[in-house]
Structure formats: structure tokens, C-alpha cells
PDB file of N, CA and C in Angstrom:
ATOM      1  N   GLU A   1      13.680 -15.369  17.477  1.00  0.00           N
ATOM      2  CA  GLU A   1      15.237 -14.815  17.942  1.00  0.00           C
ATOM      3  C   GLU A   1      15.691 -13.850  17.474  1.00  0.00           C
ATOM      4  N   LEU A   2      15.969 -14.256  15.788  1.00  0.00           N
ATOM      5  CA  LEU A   2      16.038 -13.225  14.932  1.00  0.00           C
ATOM      6  C   LEU A   2      14.901 -11.508  14.918  1.00  0.00           C
ATOM      7  N   LEU A   3      13.531 -12.489  15.078  1.00  0.00           N
ATOM      8  CA  LEU A   3      12.435 -10.952  14.604  1.00  0.00           C
ATOM      9  C   LEU A   3      13.007 -10.140  16.683  1.00  0.00           C
ATOM     10  N   TRP A   4      13.126 -11.000  17.802  1.00  0.00           N
ATOM     11  CA  TRP A   4      12.637  -9.963  18.508  1.00  0.00           C
ATOM     12  C   TRP A   4      14.704  -9.063  18.600  1.00  0.00           C
ATOM     13  N   ASP A   5      15.195  -9.504  17.413  1.00  0.00           N
ATOM     14  CA  ASP A   5      17.050  -8.717  17.433  1.00  0.00           C
ATOM     15  C   ASP A   5      16.315  -7.758  16.504  1.00  0.00           C
ATOM     16  N   SER A   6      15.689  -7.618  15.483  1.00  0.00           N
ATOM     17  CA  SER A   6      14.802  -6.543  14.603  1.00  0.00           C
ATOM     18  C   SER A   6      14.452  -5.657  15.346  1.00  0.00           C
ATOM     19  N   LEU A   7      13.709  -6.469  16.425  1.00  0.00           N
ATOM     20  CA  LEU A   7      12.817  -5.459  17.021  1.00  0.00           C
ATOM     21  C   LEU A   7      13.416  -4.579  18.364  1.00  0.00           C
ATOM     22  N   LEU A   8      14.588  -5.179  18.753  1.00  0.00           N
ATOM     23  CA  LEU A   8      15.509  -3.887  19.740  1.00  0.00           C
ATOM     24  C   LEU A   8      15.721  -3.650  19.282  1.00  0.00           C
ATOM     25  N   LEU A   9      16.946  -3.214  17.732  1.00  0.00           N
ATOM     26  CA  LEU A   9      16.978  -2.808  17.141  1.00  0.00           C
ATOM     27  C   LEU A   9      17.152  -1.816  16.040  1.00  0.00           C
ATOM     28  N   GLN A  10      15.808  -1.403  16.040  1.00  0.00           N
ATOM     29  CA  GLN A  10      14.591  -0.558  15.630  1.00  0.00           C
ATOM     30  C   GLN A  10      14.299   0.243  16.453  1.00  0.00           C
ATOM     31  N   THR A  11      13.770  -0.174  17.406  1.00  0.00           N
ATOM     32  CA  THR A  11      13.796   0.375  19.032  1.00  0.00           C
ATOM     33  C   THR A  11      14.669   1.205  19.265  1.00  0.00           C
ATOM     34  N   SER A  12      15.885   1.306  19.492  1.00  0.00           N
ATOM     35  CA  SER A  12      17.197   1.441  18.848  1.00  0.00           C
ATOM     36  C   SER A  12      17.739   2.079  18.159  1.00  0.00           C
ATOM     37  N   GLU A  13      17.296   2.131  17.130  1.00  0.00           N
ATOM     38  CA  GLU A  13      17.534   3.609  16.328  1.00  0.00           C
ATOM     39  C   GLU A  13      16.932   4.564  16.474  1.00  0.00           C
ATOM     40  N   GLU A  14      14.908   4.027  16.675  1.00  0.00           N
ATOM     41  CA  GLU A  14      14.124   4.720  17.557  1.00  0.00           C
ATOM     42  C   GLU A  14      14.506   6.116  18.076  1.00  0.00           C
ATOM     43  N   LYS A  15      15.194   5.406  19.101  1.00  0.00           N
ATOM     44  CA  LYS A  15      15.278   6.309  20.157  1.00  0.00           C
ATOM     45  C   LYS A  15      16.650   6.629  20.295  1.00  0.00           C
ATOM     46  N   VAL A  16      17.661   6.503  18.965  1.00  0.00           N
ATOM     47  CA  VAL A  16      18.872   7.086  18.954  1.00  0.00           C
ATOM     48  C   VAL A  16      18.337   8.686  17.771  1.00  0.00           C
ATOM     49  N   ALA A  17      17.449   8.711  17.123  1.00  0.00           N
ATOM     50  CA  ALA A  17      16.887   9.510  16.293  1.00  0.00           C
ATOM     51  C   ALA A  17      15.982  10.386  17.544  1.00  0.00           C
ATOM     52  N   GLU A  18      15.381   9.603  18.214  1.00  0.00           N
ATOM     53  CA  GLU A  18      14.941  10.974  18.738  1.00  0.00           C
ATOM     54  C   GLU A  18      15.594  11.740  19.546  1.00  0.00           C
ATOM     55  N   MET A  19      16.406  10.668  19.987  1.00  0.00           N
ATOM     56  CA  MET A  19      17.169  11.746  20.896  1.00  0.00           C
ATOM     57  C   MET A  19      18.572  13.465  20.122  1.00  0.00           C
ATOM     58  N   HIS A  20      18.754  12.535  18.699  1.00  0.00           N
ATOM     59  CA  HIS A  20      19.520  13.381  18.465  1.00  0.00           C
ATOM     60  C   HIS A  20      18.814  15.039  17.240  1.00  0.00           C
ATOM     61  N   GLY A  21      16.975  14.474  17.559  1.00  0.00           N
ATOM     62  CA  GLY A  21      16.373  15.835  17.345  1.00  0.00           C
ATOM     63  C   GLY A  21      16.377  16.310  18.443  1.00  0.00           C
ATOM     64  N   GLU A  22      15.758  15.811  19.413  1.00  0.00           N
ATOM     65  CA  GLU A  22      16.072  16.907  21.151  1.00  0.00           C
ATOM     66  C   GLU A  22      17.174  17.224  20.989  1.00  0.00           C
ATOM     67  N   LEU A  23      18.436  16.610  20.762  1.00  0.00           N
ATOM     68  CA  LEU A  23      20.393  17.637  21.005  1.00  0.00           C
ATOM     69  C   LEU A  23      19.922  18.433  19.945  1.00  0.00           C
ATOM     70  N   ILE A  24      19.344  18.827  18.525  1.00  0.00           N
ATOM     71  CA  ILE A  24      19.593  19.987  17.696  1.00  0.00           C
ATOM     72  C   ILE A  24      18.833  20.510  18.523  1.00  0.00           C
ATOM     73  N   GLU A  25      17.828  20.380  18.633  1.00  0.00           N
ATOM     74  CA  GLU A  25      16.489  21.292  18.958  1.00  0.00           C
ATOM     75  C   GLU A  25      17.254  22.158  20.188  1.00  0.00           C
ATOM     76  N   PHE A  26      17.425  21.317  20.968  1.00  0.00           N
ATOM     77  CA  PHE A  26      19.035  22.599  22.380  1.00  0.00           C
ATOM     78  C   PHE A  26      20.038  23.237  21.366  1.00  0.00           C
ATOM     79  N   ASN A  27      20.827  22.942  20.802  1.00  0.00           N
ATOM     80  CA  ASN A  27      21.490  23.521  20.270  1.00  0.00           C
ATOM     81  C   ASN A  27      20.919  24.215  19.845  1.00  0.00           C
ATOM     82  N   GLU A  28      19.564  24.752  18.992  1.00  0.00           N
ATOM     83  CA  GLU A  28      19.721  25.440  18.531  1.00  0.00           C
ATOM     84  C   GLU A  28      18.732  26.876  19.396  1.00  0.00           C
ATOM     85  N   ARG A  29      18.297  26.526  20.894  1.00  0.00           N
ATOM     86  CA  ARG A  29      17.737  27.086  21.484  1.00  0.00           C
ATOM     87  C   ARG A  29      19.103  27.706  22.169  1.00  0.00           C
ATOM     88  N   LEU A  30      19.734  27.088  22.372  1.00  0.00           N
ATOM     89  CA  LEU A  30      21.489  27.782  23.270  1.00  0.00           C
ATOM     90  C   LEU A  30      21.669  28.250  22.082  1.00  0.00           C
ATOM     91  N   TYR A  31      21.904  27.915  21.567  1.00  0.00           N
ATOM     92  CA  TYR A  31      23.077  29.259  20.010  1.00  0.00           C
ATOM     93  C   TYR A  31      21.294  30.518  20.209  1.00  0.00           C
ATOM     94  N   ARG A  32      20.600  30.680  20.214  1.00  0.00           N
ATOM     95  CA  ARG A  32      19.807  31.762  20.097  1.00  0.00           C
ATOM     96  C   ARG A  32      20.107  32.833  21.307  1.00  0.00           C
ATOM     97  N   SER A  33      19.509  31.562  22.621  1.00  0.00           N
ATOM     98  CA  SER A  33      20.052  32.369  24.259  1.00  0.00           C
ATOM     99  C   SER A  33      21.909  32.945  24.026  1.00  0.00           C
ATOM    100  N   LEU A  34      22.730  32.389  23.276  1.00  0.00           N
ATOM    101  CA  LEU A  34      23.405  32.840  23.752  1.00  0.00           C
ATOM    102  C   LEU A  34      23.654  33.954  22.696  1.00  0.00           C
ATOM    103  N   MET A  35      23.488  34.451  21.322  1.00  0.00           N
ATOM    104  CA  MET A  35      23.246  35.512  20.472  1.00  0.00           C
ATOM    105  C   MET A  35      22.630  36.618  21.112  1.00  0.00           C
ATOM    106  N   ALA A  36      21.697  36.098  21.513  1.00  0.00           N
ATOM    107  CA  ALA A  36      20.515  37.571  22.575  1.00  0.00           C
ATOM    108  C   ALA A  36      21.555  38.127  23.150  1.00  0.00           C
ATOM    109  N   LYS A  37      21.851  37.176  24.090  1.00  0.00           N
ATOM    110  CA  LYS A  37      23.080  37.693  25.584  1.00  0.00           C
ATOM    111  C   LYS A  37      23.880  38.351  24.718  1.00  0.00           C
ATOM    112  N   ASP A  38      24.880  37.761  23.701  1.00  0.00           N
ATOM    113  CA  ASP A  38      26.138  38.146  23.586  1.00  0.00           C
ATOM    114  C   ASP A  38      25.674  40.230  22.593  1.00  0.00           C
ATOM    115  N   HIS A  39      24.399  39.966  21.807  1.00  0.00           N
ATOM    116  CA  HIS A  39      23.594  41.357  21.535  1.00  0.00           C
ATOM    117  C   HIS A  39      23.392  42.256  22.349  1.00  0.00           C
ATOM    118  N   LEU A  40      23.001  41.500  23.635  1.00  0.00           N
ATOM    119  CA  LEU A  40      22.735  42.418  25.062  1.00  0.00           C
ATOM    120  C   LEU A  40      24.083  42.952  25.574  1.00  0.00           C
ATOM    121  N   ILE A  41      25.324  42.682  25.659  1.00  0.00           N
ATOM    122  CA  ILE A  41      26.208  42.589  26.443  1.00  0.00           C
ATOM    123  C   ILE A  41      26.653  44.206  24.772  1.00  0.00           C
ATOM    124  N   VAL A  42      26.573  43.777  23.825  1.00  0.00           N
ATOM    125  CA  VAL A  42      26.990  44.950  23.505  1.00  0.00           C
ATOM    126  C   VAL A  42      26.449  46.026  23.302  1.00  0.00           C
ATOM    127  N   GLN A  43      24.929  46.113  23.056  1.00  0.00           N
ATOM    128  CA  GLN A  43      23.953  46.865  23.212  1.00  0.00           C
ATOM    129  C   GLN A  43      24.672  47.469  25.132  1.00  0.00           C
ATOM    130  N   MET A  44      24.625  47.091  25.168  1.00  0.00           N
ATOM    131  CA  MET A  44      25.029  47.447  26.798  1.00  0.00           C
ATOM    132  C   MET A  44      26.247  48.452  27.430  1.00  0.00           C
ATOM    133  N   ARG A  45      27.977  48.133  26.363  1.00  0.00           N
ATOM    134  CA  ARG A  45      28.655  48.131  26.565  1.00  0.00           C
ATOM    135  C   ARG A  45      28.765  49.743  25.936  1.00  0.00           C
ATOM    136  N   GLN A  46      27.662  49.806  25.197  1.00  0.00           N
ATOM    137  CA  GLN A  46      27.535  50.900  24.270  1.00  0.00           C
ATOM    138  C   GLN A  46      25.827  51.967  24.779  1.00  0.00           C
ATOM    139  N   GLU A  47      26.104  51.447  25.162  1.00  0.00           N
ATOM    140  CA  GLU A  47      24.991  52.494  26.485  1.00  0.00           C
ATOM    141  C   GLU A  47      25.830  53.222  27.393  1.00  0.00           C
ATOM    142  N   LEU A  48      27.062  51.622  28.152  1.00  0.00           N
ATOM    143  CA  LEU A  48      27.609  52.480  29.082  1.00  0.00           C
ATOM    144  C   LEU A  48      28.716  53.469  28.549  1.00  0.00           C
ATOM    145  N   ILE A  49      29.029  53.600  27.051  1.00  0.00           N
ATOM    146  CA  ILE A  49      30.221  54.443  27.020  1.00  0.00           C
ATOM    147  C   ILE A  49      29.434  55.348  26.115  1.00  0.00           C
ATOM    148  N   ASP A  50      28.337  55.458  25.828  1.00  0.00           N
ATOM    149  CA  ASP A  50      27.999  56.894  26.349  1.00  0.00           C
ATOM    150  C   ASP A  50      26.962  57.679  26.569  1.00  0.00           C
ATOM    151  N   LEU A  51      27.259  56.803  28.051  1.00  0.00           N
ATOM    152  CA  LEU A  51      26.768  57.461  29.285  1.00  0.00           C
ATOM    153  C   LEU A  51      28.098  58.403  29.844  1.00  0.00           C
ATOM    154  N   ARG A  52      29.027  57.652  29.933  1.00  0.00           N
ATOM    155  CA  ARG A  52      30.573  57.763  31.116  1.00  0.00           C
ATOM    156  C   ARG A  52      31.299  58.603  29.428  1.00  0.00           C
ATOM    157  N   GLY A  53      31.281  58.315  28.431  1.00  0.00           N
ATOM    158  CA  GLY A  53      32.299  58.633  27.313  1.00  0.00           C
ATOM    159  C   GLY A  53      33.429  57.421  27.453  1.00  0.00           C
ATOM    160  N   PRO A  54      34.078  58.045  25.852  1.00  0.00           N
ATOM    161  CA  PRO A  54      35.130  56.659  26.023  1.00  0.00           C
ATOM    162  C   PRO A  54      36.192  57.028  27.559  1.00  0.00           C
ATOM    163  N   VAL A  55      36.970  56.096  27.818  1.00  0.00           N
ATOM    164  CA  VAL A  55      38.297  56.324  28.353  1.00  0.00           C
ATOM    165  C   VAL A  55      39.172  55.959  27.549  1.00  0.00           C
ATOM    166  N   PRO A  56      40.389  56.466  28.212  1.00  0.00           N
ATOM    167  CA  PRO A  56      41.871  56.147  27.562  1.00  0.00           C
ATOM    168  C   PRO A  56      42.135  55.047  28.494  1.00  0.00           C
ATOM    169  N   GLY A  57      42.548  54.348  27.206  1.00  0.00           N
ATOM    170  CA  GLY A  57      43.463  52.577  28.024  1.00  0.00           C
ATOM    171  C   GLY A  57      41.992  51.232  28.169  1.00  0.00           C
ATOM    172  N   ASP A  58      40.658  52.200  27.678  1.00  0.00           N
ATOM    173  CA  ASP A  58      39.411  50.842  27.872  1.00  0.00           C
ATOM    174  C   ASP A  58      39.212  49.465  26.563  1.00  0.00           C
ATOM    175  N   LEU A  59      39.982  48.720  27.255  1.00  0.00           N
ATOM    176  CA  LEU A  59      40.071  47.897  26.378  1.00  0.00           C
ATOM    177  C   LEU A  59      38.723  47.299  25.468  1.00  0.00           C
ATOM    178  N   SER A  60      37.804  47.438  25.734  1.00  0.00           N
ATOM    179  CA  SER A  60      36.945  47.470  25.267  1.00  0.00           C
ATOM    180  C   SER A  60      36.800  48.273  23.573  1.00  0.00           C
ATOM    181  N   GLN A  61      37.258  48.980  23.304  1.00  0.00           N
ATOM    182  CA  GLN A  61      37.228  50.079  22.964  1.00  0.00           C
ATOM    183  C   GLN A  61      38.597  49.797  21.533  1.00  0.00           C
ATOM    184  N   THR A  62      39.390  48.354  21.796  1.00  0.00           N
ATOM    185  CA  THR A  62      40.475  48.281  21.185  1.00  0.00           C
ATOM    186  C   THR A  62      40.037  47.324  19.386  1.00  0.00           C
ATOM    187  N   SER A  63      39.311  46.891  19.415  1.00  0.00           N
ATOM    188  CA  SER A  63      38.884  45.629  18.913  1.00  0.00           C
ATOM    189  C   SER A  63      37.222  45.862  18.389  1.00  0.00           C
ATOM    190  N   ASP A  64      37.274  45.339  17.415  1.00  0.00           N
ATOM    191  CA  ASP A  64      35.569  45.667  16.520  1.00  0.00           C
ATOM    192  C   ASP A  64      34.879  44.407  17.355  1.00  0.00           C
ATOM    193  N   ASP A  65      35.869  43.387  17.680  1.00  0.00           N
ATOM    194  CA  ASP A  65      34.775  42.135  17.983  1.00  0.00           C
ATOM    195  C   ASP A  65      35.128  42.420  19.676  1.00  0.00           C
ATOM    196  N   PRO A  66      34.219  42.686  20.656  1.00  0.00           N
ATOM    197  CA  PRO A  66      33.844  42.290  21.269  1.00  0.00           C
ATOM    198  C   PRO A  66      34.941  41.023  23.094  1.00  0.00           C
ATOM    199  N   SER A  67      33.915  40.408  21.717  1.00  0.00           N
ATOM    200  CA  SER A  67      34.737  39.227  22.499  1.00  0.00           C
ATOM    201  C   SER A  67      35.843  39.039  22.871  1.00  0.00           C
ATOM    202  N   LEU A  68      36.888  39.498  22.286  1.00  0.00           N
ATOM    203  CA  LEU A  68      38.422  39.109  22.006  1.00  0.00           C
ATOM    204  C   LEU A  68      38.869  40.616  23.578  1.00  0.00           C
ATOM    205  N   SER A  69      38.164  41.714  23.733  1.00  0.00           N
ATOM    206  CA  SER A  69      38.462  42.587  24.228  1.00  0.00           C
ATOM    207  C   SER A  69      39.065  41.792  26.026  1.00  0.00           C
ATOM    208  N   ASP A  70      38.448  41.326  26.364  1.00  0.00           N
ATOM    209  CA  ASP A  70      39.489  40.606  27.596  1.00  0.00           C
ATOM    210  C   ASP A  70      40.573  40.639  27.139  1.00  0.00           C
ATOM    211  N   PHE A  71      40.804  40.235  26.095  1.00  0.00           N
ATOM    212  CA  PHE A  71      42.484  39.358  25.895  1.00  0.00           C
ATOM    213  C   PHE A  71      43.445  39.965  24.926  1.00  0.00           C
ATOM    214  N   GLU A  72      43.327  41.550  24.897  1.00  0.00           N
ATOM    215  CA  GLU A  72      43.796  42.587  24.424  1.00  0.00           C
ATOM    216  C   GLU A  72      44.778  42.945  25.009  1.00  0.00           C
ATOM    217  N   THR A  73      46.238  43.758  24.997  1.00  0.00           N
ATOM    218  CA  THR A  73      46.852  44.231  26.439  1.00  0.00           C
ATOM    219  C   THR A  73      47.459  45.789  25.886  1.00  0.00           C
TER     220      THR A  73
END
């Protein structure tokens, strides 16, 4: 009985450790994807400004942080 409980606990701990590793890898992939998309947004925004020129009242020009542009007044 004690040996069986010990084996079940060890198996559970191994599964948790494996799932933790998978979550860490998934988080890293999500982070890299998010950073790449953020970079693309900044690049495309700059290309649009380069093509059309700055527009008065353009919210994207009021902050150095493009992620805040939607919240500015």
C-alpha cells in the first residue's frame, strides 16, 4: 500500500513537472509572437505616417508608447 502510494505520488509529480515545462515553453512562444506582432504594428504605423505624413490630432503621435495611443484623449 505504501509503495503504491509512493509510486502514484512520484507519477503525479512527474506529470506536474512535465506540464510545467510545457507551459513555460508555450509562454515563451506566446511572448515571442506578441513581441513580433508589436514590432510589426510599430513598423506598419511608421510606414503609414511616412506615406501620408503626420495628421493633426492623430492619437498615435501623442505618445512614445504605441500601446497607449487608444487610451489618450
